[in-house]
Amino acid sequence: DGTGSDPNRTGDNLDHFAKLTMENAKDIIACGFIPEKTFLFSDLDYVGRMYPNIVRIWKAITVNQVNGVFGFDASSNIGKVAFPAIQAAPSFGSSFPYVLNQTKENEAAEANDTAATLGCLIPCAIDQDPYFRLTRDIAHKLVPKHHPLLGKPSLIHSKFFPPLQGAQGKMSSSDANSAIFLTDTPEDIERKIKVHAFSGGRETKVLQKELGADLEMDVSYQWLRFFLEDDKELERIGKEYGSGSGEFWSTGKVKGKLVEVLKELVGEHQERRNGISEEIVREWMSERCIL
């Protein structure tokens, strides 16, 4: 059925999503993280280490609190109600007793409380914020009294990345034209940008020359803000496109620049990713001290 599920089970696609986890890990590794300082994990494999903290979090948060924050009701499956604790558990260093400690596996974790007193910084999008606001409310119950931050994790909110259709659209794996995927070919990239990237340019050449583009609405320019490394060039493109003058006066010119940037970026990523096997992923997921 294409889901990778066990043929002896009914409605079980867990194996499929476990495989997607491995594929996502390859993309993360290809971004250039330092293996000696990076520990990747799948909840399916690592949840046992986090389970003591998960249980503590379950005890500290009521069903009413979870329902109030996430809008769950009696029709929600119990996995939804339980998951916030699993999402919260990695916020605490004690969930990684050997990864963030010099303690060896055959020694008592209490022998060194380095992990338990570490602070946590979480980069995430705003949609993940409710999980960690809830976590901050109960964090003091999971850490030693001398923890400098009382266990509260800190967050860095990343900006939302606009879909190709513009602010009113939504990136979706079910809509191949809503985003550029890391598996896209150079031809796919060029077609998607030229055909589907929402333009903030004016209806006619005369109006574009007179008024310039609406940079806030233009997807190609907004994407260049993320991907173009040269800040001076980005500034020049913004001034010229926004005023309808110079080399980048038109939507076509700006889209062309984005296509050039994305082809190089995606191509280099694909080249690095092609050298990453499942065995290499397992090495990155091996439990080891990264301090």
C-alpha atoms as a PDB file:
ATOM      1  CA  ASP A   1       0.000   0.000   0.000  1.00  0.00           C
ATOM      2  CA  GLY A   2       3.048   2.281  -0.157  1.00  0.00           C
ATOM      3  CA  THR A   3       3.058   3.022   3.568  1.00  0.00           C
ATOM      4  CA  GLY A   4       5.781   0.573   4.520  1.00  0.00           C
ATOM      5  CA  SER A   5       3.458  -0.922   7.125  1.00  0.00           C
ATOM      6  CA  ASP A   6       3.578  -4.472   8.411  1.00  0.00           C
ATOM      7  CA  PRO A   7       1.277  -6.500   6.093  1.00  0.00           C
ATOM      8  CA  ASN A   8       0.118  -8.533   9.101  1.00  0.00           C
ATOM      9  CA  ARG A   9      -1.304  -5.442  10.801  1.00  0.00           C
ATOM     10  CA  THR A  10      -4.324  -3.324  10.017  1.00  0.00           C
ATOM     11  CA  GLY A  11      -3.992   0.430   9.696  1.00  0.00           C
ATOM     12  CA  ASP A  12      -0.445   0.566  11.069  1.00  0.00           C
ATOM     13  CA  ASN A  13       1.909   2.936   9.242  1.00  0.00           C
ATOM     14  CA  LEU A  14       4.430   3.350  12.063  1.00  0.00           C
ATOM     15  CA  ASP A  15       7.208   1.690  10.081  1.00  0.00           C
ATOM     16  CA  HIS A  16       6.669   4.183   7.267  1.00  0.00           C
ATOM     17  CA  PHE A  17       7.151   7.149   9.587  1.00  0.00           C
ATOM     18  CA  ALA A  18      10.159   5.505  11.230  1.00  0.00           C
ATOM     19  CA  LYS A  19      11.742   5.393   7.766  1.00  0.00           C
ATOM     20  CA  LEU A  20      10.882   9.057   7.214  1.00  0.00           C
ATOM     21  CA  THR A  21      12.735   9.807  10.464  1.00  0.00           C
ATOM     22  CA  MET A  22      15.878   8.258   9.018  1.00  0.00           C
ATOM     23  CA  GLU A  23      15.462  10.201   5.787  1.00  0.00           C
ATOM     24  CA  ASN A  24      14.991  13.467   7.693  1.00  0.00           C
ATOM     25  CA  ALA A  25      18.112  12.692   9.714  1.00  0.00           C
ATOM     26  CA  LYS A  26      20.107  12.413   6.486  1.00  0.00           C
ATOM     27  CA  ASP A  27      18.957  15.916   5.527  1.00  0.00           C
ATOM     28  CA  ILE A  28      19.983  17.261   8.939  1.00  0.00           C
ATOM     29  CA  ILE A  29      23.427  15.665   8.711  1.00  0.00           C
ATOM     30  CA  ALA A  30      23.871  17.066   5.192  1.00  0.00           C
ATOM     31  CA  CYS A  31      23.445  20.595   6.599  1.00  0.00           C
ATOM     32  CA  GLY A  32      26.957  20.350   8.011  1.00  0.00           C
ATOM     33  CA  PHE A  33      26.614  19.808  11.749  1.00  0.00           C
ATOM     34  CA  ILE A  34      29.680  18.683  13.706  1.00  0.00           C
ATOM     35  CA  PRO A  35      29.285  14.980  14.570  1.00  0.00           C
ATOM     36  CA  GLU A  36      31.344  15.207  17.759  1.00  0.00           C
ATOM     37  CA  LYS A  37      28.966  17.893  19.066  1.00  0.00           C
ATOM     38  CA  THR A  38      25.685  16.523  17.730  1.00  0.00           C
ATOM     39  CA  PHE A  39      23.373  13.776  18.985  1.00  0.00           C
ATOM     40  CA  LEU A  40      20.376  12.850  16.857  1.00  0.00           C
ATOM     41  CA  PHE A  41      17.691  10.601  18.259  1.00  0.00           C
ATOM     42  CA  SER A  42      14.370   9.038  17.372  1.00  0.00           C
ATOM     43  CA  ASP A  43      11.745   8.881  20.106  1.00  0.00           C
ATOM     44  CA  LEU A  44      11.117   5.277  19.082  1.00  0.00           C
ATOM     45  CA  ASP A  45      14.685   4.361  20.063  1.00  0.00           C
ATOM     46  CA  TYR A  46      15.551   6.836  22.804  1.00  0.00           C
ATOM     47  CA  VAL A  47      12.298   7.267  24.738  1.00  0.00           C
ATOM     48  CA  GLY A  48      13.480   4.855  27.431  1.00  0.00           C
ATOM     49  CA  ARG A  49      16.172   7.289  28.594  1.00  0.00           C
ATOM     50  CA  MET A  50      13.618  10.124  28.719  1.00  0.00           C
ATOM     51  CA  TYR A  51      10.864   8.082  30.350  1.00  0.00           C
ATOM     52  CA  PRO A  52      11.602   9.094  33.968  1.00  0.00           C
ATOM     53  CA  ASN A  53      11.215  12.770  33.010  1.00  0.00           C
ATOM     54  CA  ILE A  54       8.161  12.021  30.877  1.00  0.00           C
ATOM     55  CA  VAL A  55       6.493  10.439  33.915  1.00  0.00           C
ATOM     56  CA  ARG A  56       7.402  13.454  36.072  1.00  0.00           C
ATOM     57  CA  ILE A  57       5.905  15.810  33.494  1.00  0.00           C
ATOM     58  CA  TRP A  58       2.722  13.738  33.254  1.00  0.00           C
ATOM     59  CA  LYS A  59       2.359  14.074  37.009  1.00  0.00           C
ATOM     60  CA  ALA A  60       2.949  17.842  36.928  1.00  0.00           C
ATOM     61  CA  ILE A  61       0.438  18.739  34.175  1.00  0.00           C
ATOM     62  CA  THR A  62      -3.310  18.167  34.334  1.00  0.00           C
ATOM     63  CA  VAL A  63      -5.552  17.055  31.481  1.00  0.00           C
ATOM     64  CA  ASN A  64      -7.452  20.344  31.819  1.00  0.00           C
ATOM     65  CA  GLN A  65      -4.223  22.291  31.270  1.00  0.00           C
ATOM     66  CA  VAL A  66      -3.362  20.320  28.130  1.00  0.00           C
ATOM     67  CA  ASN A  67      -6.901  20.607  26.762  1.00  0.00           C
ATOM     68  CA  GLY A  68      -6.912  24.346  27.442  1.00  0.00           C
ATOM     69  CA  VAL A  69      -3.613  24.934  25.641  1.00  0.00           C
ATOM     70  CA  PHE A  70      -4.128  22.654  22.634  1.00  0.00           C
ATOM     71  CA  GLY A  71      -7.903  22.513  22.316  1.00  0.00           C
ATOM     72  CA  PHE A  72      -8.234  18.772  22.896  1.00  0.00           C
ATOM     73  CA  ASP A  73     -11.539  17.276  23.974  1.00  0.00           C
ATOM     74  CA  ALA A  74     -12.999  13.862  24.762  1.00  0.00           C
ATOM     75  CA  SER A  75     -12.821  12.880  21.096  1.00  0.00           C
ATOM     76  CA  SER A  76      -9.020  13.318  20.968  1.00  0.00           C
ATOM     77  CA  ASN A  77      -6.981  10.119  21.155  1.00  0.00           C
ATOM     78  CA  ILE A  78      -4.871   9.622  24.266  1.00  0.00           C
ATOM     79  CA  GLY A  79      -1.665   9.977  22.262  1.00  0.00           C
ATOM     80  CA  LYS A  80      -2.422  13.667  21.651  1.00  0.00           C
ATOM     81  CA  VAL A  81      -2.949  14.262  25.360  1.00  0.00           C
ATOM     82  CA  ALA A  82       0.220  12.380  26.298  1.00  0.00           C
ATOM     83  CA  PHE A  83       2.513  13.812  23.636  1.00  0.00           C
ATOM     84  CA  PRO A  84       3.223  17.269  25.155  1.00  0.00           C
ATOM     85  CA  ALA A  85       5.228  15.550  27.898  1.00  0.00           C
ATOM     86  CA  ILE A  86       7.303  13.688  25.299  1.00  0.00           C
ATOM     87  CA  GLN A  87       7.905  16.941  23.435  1.00  0.00           C
ATOM     88  CA  ALA A  88       8.930  18.639  26.687  1.00  0.00           C
ATOM     89  CA  ALA A  89      11.285  15.965  28.033  1.00  0.00           C
ATOM     90  CA  PRO A  90      14.324  16.862  25.840  1.00  0.00           C
ATOM     91  CA  SER A  91      14.246  20.359  27.410  1.00  0.00           C
ATOM     92  CA  PHE A  92      15.964  18.874  30.449  1.00  0.00           C
ATOM     93  CA  GLY A  93      19.593  17.813  30.466  1.00  0.00           C
ATOM     94  CA  SER A  94      18.740  14.923  32.761  1.00  0.00           C
ATOM     95  CA  SER A  95      16.978  13.290  29.804  1.00  0.00           C
ATOM     96  CA  PHE A  96      20.479  12.775  28.377  1.00  0.00           C
ATOM     97  CA  PRO A  97      22.384  11.301  31.333  1.00  0.00           C
ATOM     98  CA  TYR A  98      25.265   9.968  29.220  1.00  0.00           C
ATOM     99  CA  VAL A  99      25.139  12.261  26.199  1.00  0.00           C
ATOM    100  CA  LEU A 100      25.511  15.367  28.381  1.00  0.00           C
ATOM    101  CA  ASN A 101      27.535  13.814  31.177  1.00  0.00           C
ATOM    102  CA  GLN A 102      30.950  12.279  31.663  1.00  0.00           C
ATOM    103  CA  THR A 103      29.191   9.488  33.550  1.00  0.00           C
ATOM    104  CA  LYS A 104      29.664   6.067  32.010  1.00  0.00           C
ATOM    105  CA  GLU A 105      26.669   3.838  31.477  1.00  0.00           C
ATOM    106  CA  ASN A 106      27.682   1.432  34.221  1.00  0.00           C
ATOM    107  CA  GLU A 107      27.976   4.213  36.802  1.00  0.00           C
ATOM    108  CA  ALA A 108      25.227   5.978  38.736  1.00  0.00           C
ATOM    109  CA  ALA A 109      23.986   9.066  36.905  1.00  0.00           C
ATOM    110  CA  GLU A 110      23.769  10.906  40.225  1.00  0.00           C
ATOM    111  CA  ALA A 111      27.557  10.776  40.500  1.00  0.00           C
ATOM    112  CA  ASN A 112      27.738  13.807  38.216  1.00  0.00           C
ATOM    113  CA  ASP A 113      24.829  16.235  37.935  1.00  0.00           C
ATOM    114  CA  THR A 114      26.309  18.232  35.058  1.00  0.00           C
ATOM    115  CA  ALA A 115      23.449  17.309  32.739  1.00  0.00           C
ATOM    116  CA  ALA A 116      20.757  18.055  35.322  1.00  0.00           C
ATOM    117  CA  THR A 117      21.889  21.656  35.778  1.00  0.00           C
ATOM    118  CA  LEU A 118      22.463  22.576  32.123  1.00  0.00           C
ATOM    119  CA  GLY A 119      20.325  25.257  30.485  1.00  0.00           C
ATOM    120  CA  CYS A 120      18.384  24.552  27.300  1.00  0.00           C
ATOM    121  CA  LEU A 121      17.992  26.763  24.216  1.00  0.00           C
ATOM    122  CA  ILE A 122      15.332  25.680  21.697  1.00  0.00           C
ATOM    123  CA  PRO A 123      15.169  27.108  18.167  1.00  0.00           C
ATOM    124  CA  CYS A 124      11.637  26.597  16.870  1.00  0.00           C
ATOM    125  CA  ALA A 125       8.771  28.129  14.927  1.00  0.00           C
ATOM    126  CA  ILE A 126       5.976  29.938  16.759  1.00  0.00           C
ATOM    127  CA  ASP A 127       3.601  26.974  16.367  1.00  0.00           C
ATOM    128  CA  GLN A 128       5.776  25.002  18.798  1.00  0.00           C
ATOM    129  CA  ASP A 129       5.657  27.741  21.432  1.00  0.00           C
ATOM    130  CA  PRO A 130       2.665  26.344  23.420  1.00  0.00           C
ATOM    131  CA  TYR A 131       4.568  23.145  24.230  1.00  0.00           C
ATOM    132  CA  PHE A 132       7.436  25.005  25.812  1.00  0.00           C
ATOM    133  CA  ARG A 133       5.341  27.654  27.595  1.00  0.00           C
ATOM    134  CA  LEU A 134       3.679  24.711  29.318  1.00  0.00           C
ATOM    135  CA  THR A 135       7.117  23.235  29.971  1.00  0.00           C
ATOM    136  CA  ARG A 136       8.390  26.462  31.545  1.00  0.00           C
ATOM    137  CA  ASP A 137       5.441  26.463  33.977  1.00  0.00           C
ATOM    138  CA  ILE A 138       6.427  23.137  35.513  1.00  0.00           C
ATOM    139  CA  ALA A 139      10.181  23.063  34.815  1.00  0.00           C
ATOM    140  CA  HIS A 140      11.177  23.807  38.417  1.00  0.00           C
ATOM    141  CA  LYS A 141       9.709  20.466  39.464  1.00  0.00           C
ATOM    142  CA  LEU A 142      12.203  18.516  37.343  1.00  0.00           C
ATOM    143  CA  VAL A 143      15.542  20.083  38.262  1.00  0.00           C
ATOM    144  CA  PRO A 144      17.767  20.489  41.331  1.00  0.00           C
ATOM    145  CA  LYS A 145      16.997  23.542  43.473  1.00  0.00           C
ATOM    146  CA  HIS A 146      20.334  25.101  42.543  1.00  0.00           C
ATOM    147  CA  HIS A 147      19.559  25.061  38.789  1.00  0.00           C
ATOM    148  CA  PRO A 148      20.425  28.625  37.650  1.00  0.00           C
ATOM    149  CA  LEU A 149      17.283  28.967  35.495  1.00  0.00           C
ATOM    150  CA  LEU A 150      14.975  26.780  37.611  1.00  0.00           C
ATOM    151  CA  GLY A 151      14.951  24.444  34.626  1.00  0.00           C
ATOM    152  CA  LYS A 152      13.089  26.841  32.328  1.00  0.00           C
ATOM    153  CA  PRO A 153      14.078  26.376  28.660  1.00  0.00           C
ATOM    154  CA  SER A 154      14.675  29.449  26.494  1.00  0.00           C
ATOM    155  CA  LEU A 155      13.359  29.783  22.945  1.00  0.00           C
ATOM    156  CA  ILE A 156      14.504  31.397  19.712  1.00  0.00           C
ATOM    157  CA  HIS A 157      11.524  31.818  17.394  1.00  0.00           C
ATOM    158  CA  SER A 158      12.409  31.488  13.722  1.00  0.00           C
ATOM    159  CA  LYS A 159      10.489  33.389  11.085  1.00  0.00           C
ATOM    160  CA  PHE A 160       7.869  31.507   9.133  1.00  0.00           C
ATOM    161  CA  PHE A 161       9.008  30.678   5.643  1.00  0.00           C
ATOM    162  CA  PRO A 162       6.356  31.804   3.128  1.00  0.00           C
ATOM    163  CA  PRO A 163       5.017  29.204   0.688  1.00  0.00           C
ATOM    164  CA  LEU A 164       5.351  29.851  -3.024  1.00  0.00           C
ATOM    165  CA  GLN A 165       1.730  30.989  -3.247  1.00  0.00           C
ATOM    166  CA  GLY A 166       2.371  33.803  -0.786  1.00  0.00           C
ATOM    167  CA  ALA A 167       1.223  34.580   2.720  1.00  0.00           C
ATOM    168  CA  GLN A 168      -2.273  33.212   2.118  1.00  0.00           C
ATOM    169  CA  GLY A 169      -1.002  29.788   1.077  1.00  0.00           C
ATOM    170  CA  LYS A 170       0.486  26.930   3.026  1.00  0.00           C
ATOM    171  CA  MET A 171       3.434  24.642   2.347  1.00  0.00           C
ATOM    172  CA  SER A 172       2.265  21.073   2.066  1.00  0.00           C
ATOM    173  CA  SER A 173       3.867  17.817   0.993  1.00  0.00           C
ATOM    174  CA  SER A 174       0.570  17.028  -0.754  1.00  0.00           C
ATOM    175  CA  ASP A 175       0.994  20.084  -3.003  1.00  0.00           C
ATOM    176  CA  ALA A 176       4.253  19.726  -4.915  1.00  0.00           C
ATOM    177  CA  ASN A 177       4.003  23.316  -6.176  1.00  0.00           C
ATOM    178  CA  SER A 178       3.743  24.922  -2.741  1.00  0.00           C
ATOM    179  CA  ALA A 179       7.450  24.599  -1.939  1.00  0.00           C
ATOM    180  CA  ILE A 180      10.898  23.714  -3.207  1.00  0.00           C
ATOM    181  CA  PHE A 181      11.863  20.264  -1.956  1.00  0.00           C
ATOM    182  CA  LEU A 182      15.406  19.105  -1.317  1.00  0.00           C
ATOM    183  CA  THR A 183      14.787  16.312  -3.835  1.00  0.00           C
ATOM    184  CA  ASP A 184      13.752  18.687  -6.639  1.00  0.00           C
ATOM    185  CA  THR A 185      15.723  18.710  -9.883  1.00  0.00           C
ATOM    186  CA  PRO A 186      17.113  21.975 -11.324  1.00  0.00           C
ATOM    187  CA  GLU A 187      14.267  21.883 -13.850  1.00  0.00           C
ATOM    188  CA  ASP A 188      11.691  21.514 -11.054  1.00  0.00           C
ATOM    189  CA  ILE A 189      13.176  24.463  -9.192  1.00  0.00           C
ATOM    190  CA  GLU A 190      13.125  26.742 -12.230  1.00  0.00           C
ATOM    191  CA  ARG A 191       9.575  25.789 -13.185  1.00  0.00           C
ATOM    192  CA  LYS A 192       8.171  26.213  -9.681  1.00  0.00           C
ATOM    193  CA  ILE A 193       9.750  29.620  -9.132  1.00  0.00           C
ATOM    194  CA  LYS A 194       8.886  31.027 -12.543  1.00  0.00           C
ATOM    195  CA  VAL A 195       5.317  29.673 -12.601  1.00  0.00           C
ATOM    196  CA  HIS A 196       4.175  29.489  -8.984  1.00  0.00           C
ATOM    197  CA  ALA A 197       6.146  32.051  -6.913  1.00  0.00           C
ATOM    198  CA  PHE A 198       3.734  34.846  -6.006  1.00  0.00           C
ATOM    199  CA  SER A 199       4.833  38.192  -7.386  1.00  0.00           C
ATOM    200  CA  GLY A 200       4.687  41.570  -5.713  1.00  0.00           C
ATOM    201  CA  GLY A 201       5.370  43.243  -9.046  1.00  0.00           C
ATOM    202  CA  ARG A 202       2.885  45.533 -10.765  1.00  0.00           C
ATOM    203  CA  GLU A 203       0.493  44.569 -13.540  1.00  0.00           C
ATOM    204  CA  THR A 204       2.319  46.438 -16.279  1.00  0.00           C
ATOM    205  CA  LYS A 205       5.853  47.544 -17.081  1.00  0.00           C
ATOM    206  CA  VAL A 206       4.803  51.187 -16.836  1.00  0.00           C
ATOM    207  CA  LEU A 207       3.369  50.743 -13.329  1.00  0.00           C
ATOM    208  CA  GLN A 208       6.375  48.676 -12.246  1.00  0.00           C
ATOM    209  CA  LYS A 209       8.754  51.401 -13.404  1.00  0.00           C
ATOM    210  CA  GLU A 210       6.628  54.041 -11.696  1.00  0.00           C
ATOM    211  CA  LEU A 211       5.734  52.345  -8.386  1.00  0.00           C
ATOM    212  CA  GLY A 212       8.159  49.443  -7.980  1.00  0.00           C
ATOM    213  CA  ALA A 213       7.292  46.091  -6.443  1.00  0.00           C
ATOM    214  CA  ASP A 214       5.651  45.335  -3.091  1.00  0.00           C
ATOM    215  CA  LEU A 215       8.616  43.579  -1.473  1.00  0.00           C
ATOM    216  CA  GLU A 216       6.606  42.300   1.495  1.00  0.00           C
ATOM    217  CA  MET A 217       4.257  40.421  -0.817  1.00  0.00           C
ATOM    218  CA  ASP A 218       6.871  39.175  -3.279  1.00  0.00           C
ATOM    219  CA  VAL A 219       7.828  35.571  -2.488  1.00  0.00           C
ATOM    220  CA  SER A 220      11.004  35.535  -4.582  1.00  0.00           C
ATOM    221  CA  TYR A 221      12.423  38.541  -2.756  1.00  0.00           C
ATOM    222  CA  GLN A 222      11.383  37.165   0.643  1.00  0.00           C
ATOM    223  CA  TRP A 223      13.120  33.869  -0.156  1.00  0.00           C
ATOM    224  CA  LEU A 224      16.266  35.715  -1.200  1.00  0.00           C
ATOM    225  CA  ARG A 225      16.284  37.263   2.284  1.00  0.00           C
ATOM    226  CA  PHE A 226      16.766  33.732   3.617  1.00  0.00           C
ATOM    227  CA  PHE A 227      19.102  32.262   1.008  1.00  0.00           C
ATOM    228  CA  LEU A 228      21.224  35.006  -0.539  1.00  0.00           C
ATOM    229  CA  GLU A 229      24.438  35.201   1.481  1.00  0.00           C
ATOM    230  CA  ASP A 230      25.594  38.568   0.103  1.00  0.00           C
ATOM    231  CA  ASP A 231      23.791  41.229   2.164  1.00  0.00           C
ATOM    232  CA  LYS A 232      24.963  44.063  -0.069  1.00  0.00           C
ATOM    233  CA  GLU A 233      23.578  42.342  -3.149  1.00  0.00           C
ATOM    234  CA  LEU A 234      20.298  41.680  -1.347  1.00  0.00           C
ATOM    235  CA  GLU A 235      20.081  45.356  -0.415  1.00  0.00           C
ATOM    236  CA  ARG A 236      20.707  46.358  -4.035  1.00  0.00           C
ATOM    237  CA  ILE A 237      18.041  43.958  -5.308  1.00  0.00           C
ATOM    238  CA  GLY A 238      15.553  45.326  -2.781  1.00  0.00           C
ATOM    239  CA  LYS A 239      16.226  48.940  -3.746  1.00  0.00           C
ATOM    240  CA  GLU A 240      16.058  48.294  -7.488  1.00  0.00           C
ATOM    241  CA  TYR A 241      13.022  45.984  -7.399  1.00  0.00           C
ATOM    242  CA  GLY A 242      11.217  48.195  -4.905  1.00  0.00           C
ATOM    243  CA  SER A 243      11.753  51.256  -7.095  1.00  0.00           C
ATOM    244  CA  GLY A 244      11.372  49.627 -10.516  1.00  0.00           C
ATOM    245  CA  SER A 245      14.842  50.659 -11.653  1.00  0.00           C
ATOM    246  CA  GLY A 246      18.262  49.128 -12.366  1.00  0.00           C
ATOM    247  CA  GLU A 247      19.156  45.543 -13.250  1.00  0.00           C
ATOM    248  CA  PHE A 248      16.566  43.969 -10.956  1.00  0.00           C
ATOM    249  CA  TRP A 249      13.650  46.221 -11.848  1.00  0.00           C
ATOM    250  CA  SER A 250      11.336  43.341 -12.825  1.00  0.00           C
ATOM    251  CA  THR A 251       9.847  40.188 -11.323  1.00  0.00           C
ATOM    252  CA  GLY A 252      11.538  38.086 -13.995  1.00  0.00           C
ATOM    253  CA  LYS A 253      14.992  39.307 -13.015  1.00  0.00           C
ATOM    254  CA  VAL A 254      14.403  38.644  -9.306  1.00  0.00           C
ATOM    255  CA  LYS A 255      12.952  35.202  -9.962  1.00  0.00           C
ATOM    256  CA  GLY A 256      15.958  34.421 -12.134  1.00  0.00           C
ATOM    257  CA  LYS A 257      18.312  35.319  -9.287  1.00  0.00           C
ATOM    258  CA  LEU A 258      16.387  33.120  -6.872  1.00  0.00           C
ATOM    259  CA  VAL A 259      16.484  30.197  -9.306  1.00  0.00           C
ATOM    260  CA  GLU A 260      20.266  30.582  -9.575  1.00  0.00           C
ATOM    261  CA  VAL A 261      20.701  30.647  -5.784  1.00  0.00           C
ATOM    262  CA  LEU A 262      18.388  27.687  -5.124  1.00  0.00           C
ATOM    263  CA  LYS A 263      19.871  25.486  -7.840  1.00  0.00           C
ATOM    264  CA  GLU A 264      23.299  25.862  -6.273  1.00  0.00           C
ATOM    265  CA  LEU A 265      22.067  25.395  -2.693  1.00  0.00           C
ATOM    266  CA  VAL A 266      19.877  22.358  -3.382  1.00  0.00           C
ATOM    267  CA  GLY A 267      22.463  20.783  -5.688  1.00  0.00           C
ATOM    268  CA  GLU A 268      25.207  21.012  -3.054  1.00  0.00           C
ATOM    269  CA  HIS A 269      22.863  19.601  -0.408  1.00  0.00           C
ATOM    270  CA  GLN A 270      21.907  16.660  -2.619  1.00  0.00           C
ATOM    271  CA  GLU A 271      25.568  15.907  -3.292  1.00  0.00           C
ATOM    272  CA  ARG A 272      26.361  15.816   0.430  1.00  0.00           C
ATOM    273  CA  ARG A 273      23.248  13.791   1.221  1.00  0.00           C
ATOM    274  CA  ASN A 274      24.001  11.156  -1.390  1.00  0.00           C
ATOM    275  CA  GLY A 275      27.057  10.154   0.639  1.00  0.00           C
ATOM    276  CA  ILE A 276      25.066   9.550   3.836  1.00  0.00           C
ATOM    277  CA  SER A 277      24.039   5.948   4.437  1.00  0.00           C
ATOM    278  CA  GLU A 278      21.708   4.536   7.070  1.00  0.00           C
ATOM    279  CA  GLU A 279      24.817   3.209   8.847  1.00  0.00           C
ATOM    280  CA  ILE A 280      26.170   6.766   9.101  1.00  0.00           C
ATOM    281  CA  VAL A 281      22.829   7.939  10.520  1.00  0.00           C
ATOM    282  CA  ARG A 282      23.065   5.219  13.166  1.00  0.00           C
ATOM    283  CA  GLU A 283      26.497   6.523  14.134  1.00  0.00           C
ATOM    284  CA  TRP A 284      25.041  10.008  14.684  1.00  0.00           C
ATOM    285  CA  MET A 285      22.296   8.405  16.778  1.00  0.00           C
ATOM    286  CA  SER A 286      24.680   6.354  18.900  1.00  0.00           C
ATOM    287  CA  GLU A 287      24.552   7.317  22.570  1.00  0.00           C
ATOM    288  CA  ARG A 288      27.850   8.973  23.468  1.00  0.00           C
ATOM    289  CA  CYS A 289      29.091  12.004  25.392  1.00  0.00           C
ATOM    290  CA  ILE A 290      29.232  15.146  23.208  1.00  0.00           C
ATOM    291  CA  LEU A 291      30.555  17.561  25.841  1.00  0.00           C
END
